[in-house]
Amino acid sequence: MNKKISNILLLVVILSIFGVIIFDQTYLSGLEKKFMKIESVRIETSNRLATAKIVHENLNHVRGLVFENMDFPGQPDTLGHETHLFNFITSCINDLKLKLVSVKPVRPTQSGLITTYGYDIEIQGDFFKFGELCSKFENSRRIVSLETFDVSLMDHEEKALGGPENKMIHVKMRINSYRVKKS
């Protein structure tokens, strides 16, 4: 009788193993396919969220540009347009360790709803720092355009601060900033 029970138990174990193998091959392989599909949907959703975040940041930047460069009726502007621009220019020039020689405002011109504020600026410093300054103008929260510039190498007397190894330049440039009135 013991032998009969052990044979039955052995048969049950063998059938159980075959049952588990069949269950694994049929049911669990389907779960793997479902998991792979869920993973691809998760990756697609993650990519869409990243794209949405980039679009959101760009729209906020555009919104900031609009509010920084437009005159809205009743807009509480605690600092004037020129003050914002001068703070931006001086902080950029100081960050880049350039020397600000002069800033001369040009008479504003109006064309329709757009007022153009021009400034003749002279700076001294390294050529590559001037390139970084132009990049900062391009990425500013105010609309700033570099209209013209003239670059010249500085004389030896003027280069004393920069040292003989640095190619110091003198830049005369005209930048424009704009203010748009809401109609």
Protein backbone atom coordinates (compact mmCIF):
# COMPACT_ATOMS: atom_id res chain seq x y z
CA MET A 1 0.00 0.00 0.00
CA ASN A 2 2.89 2.30 0.74
CA LYS A 3 4.25 1.67 -2.70
CA LYS A 4 0.88 2.48 -4.23
CA ILE A 5 0.70 5.80 -2.34
CA SER A 6 4.22 6.75 -3.30
CA ASN A 7 3.47 5.94 -6.97
CA ILE A 8 0.33 8.07 -6.79
CA LEU A 9 2.30 10.89 -5.16
CA LEU A 10 5.00 10.58 -7.81
CA LEU A 11 2.35 10.69 -10.53
CA VAL A 12 0.75 13.77 -8.91
CA VAL A 13 4.14 15.50 -8.72
CA ILE A 14 4.92 14.70 -12.37
CA LEU A 15 1.46 15.89 -13.46
CA SER A 16 1.93 19.04 -11.34
CA ILE A 17 5.27 19.75 -13.03
CA PHE A 18 3.71 19.29 -16.47
CA GLY A 19 0.79 21.50 -15.37
CA VAL A 20 3.17 24.24 -14.23
CA ILE A 21 5.14 24.01 -17.49
CA ILE A 22 1.97 24.23 -19.59
CA PHE A 23 0.65 27.09 -17.41
CA ASP A 24 3.99 28.90 -17.78
CA GLN A 25 4.09 28.44 -21.55
CA THR A 26 0.51 29.54 -22.16
CA TYR A 27 -0.55 32.02 -19.50
CA LEU A 28 2.73 33.62 -18.40
CA SER A 29 4.01 34.13 -21.96
CA GLY A 30 0.84 36.13 -22.60
CA LEU A 31 1.65 38.22 -19.52
CA GLU A 32 5.11 38.93 -20.90
CA LYS A 33 3.57 40.25 -24.12
CA LYS A 34 1.16 42.39 -22.11
CA PHE A 35 4.02 43.67 -19.97
CA MET A 36 6.04 44.60 -23.07
CA LYS A 37 3.02 46.46 -24.45
CA ILE A 38 2.51 48.30 -21.15
CA GLU A 39 6.23 49.19 -21.10
CA SER A 40 6.08 50.62 -24.63
CA VAL A 41 3.01 52.69 -23.66
CA ARG A 42 4.87 53.91 -20.55
CA ILE A 43 7.87 54.98 -22.66
CA GLU A 44 5.61 56.74 -25.18
CA THR A 45 3.75 58.53 -22.37
CA SER A 46 7.04 59.54 -20.76
CA ASN A 47 8.26 60.98 -24.08
CA ARG A 48 5.01 62.88 -24.54
CA LEU A 49 5.28 64.30 -21.02
CA ALA A 50 8.85 65.43 -21.69
CA THR A 51 7.72 67.09 -24.92
CA ALA A 52 4.82 68.76 -23.10
CA LYS A 53 7.22 70.06 -20.45
CA ILE A 54 9.48 71.57 -23.13
CA VAL A 55 6.48 73.18 -24.86
CA HIS A 56 5.27 74.51 -21.50
CA GLU A 57 8.67 76.06 -20.74
CA ASN A 58 8.84 77.62 -24.22
CA LEU A 59 5.33 79.04 -23.89
CA ASN A 60 6.22 80.50 -20.49
CA HIS A 61 9.31 82.07 -22.07
CA VAL A 62 7.19 83.60 -24.85
CA ARG A 63 4.65 84.79 -22.27
CA GLY A 64 7.48 86.41 -20.31
CA LEU A 65 8.78 88.07 -23.48
CA VAL A 66 5.33 89.48 -24.19
CA PHE A 67 4.90 90.89 -20.70
CA GLU A 68 8.47 92.21 -20.55
CA ASN A 69 8.24 93.99 -23.89
CA MET A 70 4.66 95.27 -24.06
CA ASP A 71 2.96 98.23 -22.46
CA PHE A 72 -0.36 97.13 -21.07
CA PRO A 73 -2.80 99.73 -19.76
CA GLY A 74 -2.54 99.82 -15.99
CA GLN A 75 0.50 97.52 -15.97
CA PRO A 76 2.33 97.98 -12.67
CA ASP A 77 5.91 98.44 -13.90
CA THR A 78 7.93 99.41 -10.84
CA LEU A 79 11.11 99.82 -12.91
CA GLY A 80 11.21 101.55 -16.27
CA HIS A 81 12.17 99.94 -19.56
CA GLU A 82 15.60 101.61 -19.58
CA THR A 83 16.33 100.54 -16.01
CA HIS A 84 15.64 96.89 -16.85
CA LEU A 85 17.83 97.13 -19.95
CA PHE A 86 20.72 98.89 -18.17
CA ASN A 87 20.62 96.36 -15.32
CA PHE A 88 20.75 93.55 -17.86
CA ILE A 89 23.61 95.09 -19.85
CA THR A 90 25.73 95.95 -16.81
CA SER A 91 25.23 92.54 -15.21
CA CYS A 92 26.21 90.81 -18.50
CA ILE A 93 29.28 93.00 -18.94
CA ASN A 94 30.33 92.49 -15.31
CA ASP A 95 29.79 88.72 -15.52
CA LEU A 96 31.96 88.53 -18.63
CA LYS A 97 34.62 90.84 -17.12
CA LEU A 98 34.37 93.31 -19.98
CA LYS A 99 34.98 97.04 -19.53
CA LEU A 100 32.01 99.31 -20.26
CA VAL A 101 33.43 102.51 -21.77
CA SER A 102 30.22 104.37 -22.58
CA VAL A 103 26.47 104.07 -23.14
CA LYS A 104 24.70 106.80 -25.09
CA PRO A 105 20.95 106.62 -25.65
CA VAL A 106 19.63 107.50 -29.09
CA ARG A 107 16.33 109.33 -29.54
CA PRO A 108 13.51 106.73 -29.49
CA THR A 109 11.63 106.20 -32.73
CA GLN A 110 8.06 105.05 -33.08
CA SER A 111 6.65 103.02 -35.92
CA GLY A 112 3.01 102.16 -35.37
CA LEU A 113 2.71 100.38 -32.03
CA ILE A 114 6.46 99.69 -31.71
CA THR A 115 8.86 102.09 -30.01
CA THR A 116 12.54 101.46 -30.72
CA TYR A 117 15.08 102.52 -28.11
CA GLY A 118 18.62 102.65 -29.50
CA TYR A 119 21.87 102.80 -27.55
CA ASP A 120 25.43 103.38 -28.73
CA ILE A 121 27.66 101.29 -26.49
CA GLU A 122 31.44 101.00 -26.31
CA ILE A 123 33.16 98.13 -24.54
CA GLN A 124 36.68 96.77 -24.23
CA GLY A 125 37.78 93.24 -23.59
CA ASP A 126 38.40 89.83 -25.09
CA PHE A 127 36.91 88.97 -28.51
CA PHE A 128 35.38 85.71 -27.28
CA LYS A 129 33.73 87.51 -24.35
CA PHE A 130 32.15 89.86 -26.90
CA GLY A 131 30.71 86.78 -28.63
CA GLU A 132 29.30 85.59 -25.29
CA LEU A 133 27.77 89.05 -24.76
CA CYS A 134 26.03 88.79 -28.15
CA SER A 135 24.69 85.39 -27.10
CA LYS A 136 23.34 86.88 -23.88
CA PHE A 137 21.61 89.61 -25.90
CA GLU A 138 19.98 86.92 -28.03
CA ASN A 139 18.71 85.00 -25.00
CA SER A 140 17.56 87.95 -22.90
CA ARG A 141 14.02 88.38 -21.59
CA ARG A 142 13.95 91.74 -23.32
CA ILE A 143 14.03 91.91 -27.08
CA VAL A 144 17.51 93.23 -27.83
CA SER A 145 18.97 93.39 -31.31
CA LEU A 146 22.57 94.11 -32.18
CA GLU A 147 22.17 96.40 -35.17
CA THR A 148 25.78 97.31 -35.95
CA PHE A 149 29.20 96.82 -34.43
CA ASP A 150 32.76 97.82 -35.20
CA VAL A 151 35.63 95.82 -33.70
CA SER A 152 39.19 97.10 -33.55
CA LEU A 153 42.34 95.83 -31.85
CA MET A 154 43.51 97.99 -28.98
CA ASP A 155 46.88 99.78 -28.92
CA HIS A 156 49.69 98.47 -26.69
CA GLU A 157 49.09 101.22 -24.11
CA GLU A 158 45.44 100.24 -23.86
CA LYS A 159 46.30 96.52 -23.61
CA ALA A 160 48.36 96.93 -20.42
CA LEU A 161 45.49 95.63 -18.30
CA GLY A 162 44.93 92.59 -20.47
CA GLY A 163 48.57 91.56 -20.76
CA PRO A 164 50.51 90.94 -23.96
CA GLU A 165 49.11 87.43 -24.48
CA ASN A 166 45.48 88.59 -24.68
CA LYS A 167 44.16 90.12 -27.90
CA MET A 168 42.11 92.94 -26.44
CA ILE A 169 39.52 94.63 -28.62
CA HIS A 170 37.51 97.83 -28.57
CA VAL A 171 33.91 97.43 -29.75
CA LYS A 172 31.51 100.18 -30.76
CA MET A 173 28.00 98.84 -31.23
CA ARG A 174 24.42 99.98 -31.64
CA ILE A 175 21.81 97.90 -29.89
CA ASN A 176 18.08 98.38 -30.09
CA SER A 177 15.46 97.44 -27.58
CA TYR A 178 11.77 97.52 -28.33
CA ARG A 179 8.56 98.28 -26.51
CA VAL A 180 5.18 97.39 -28.02
CA LYS A 181 1.98 99.21 -27.06
CA LYS A 182 -1.21 97.24 -26.88
CA SER A 183 -3.73 98.71 -29.31
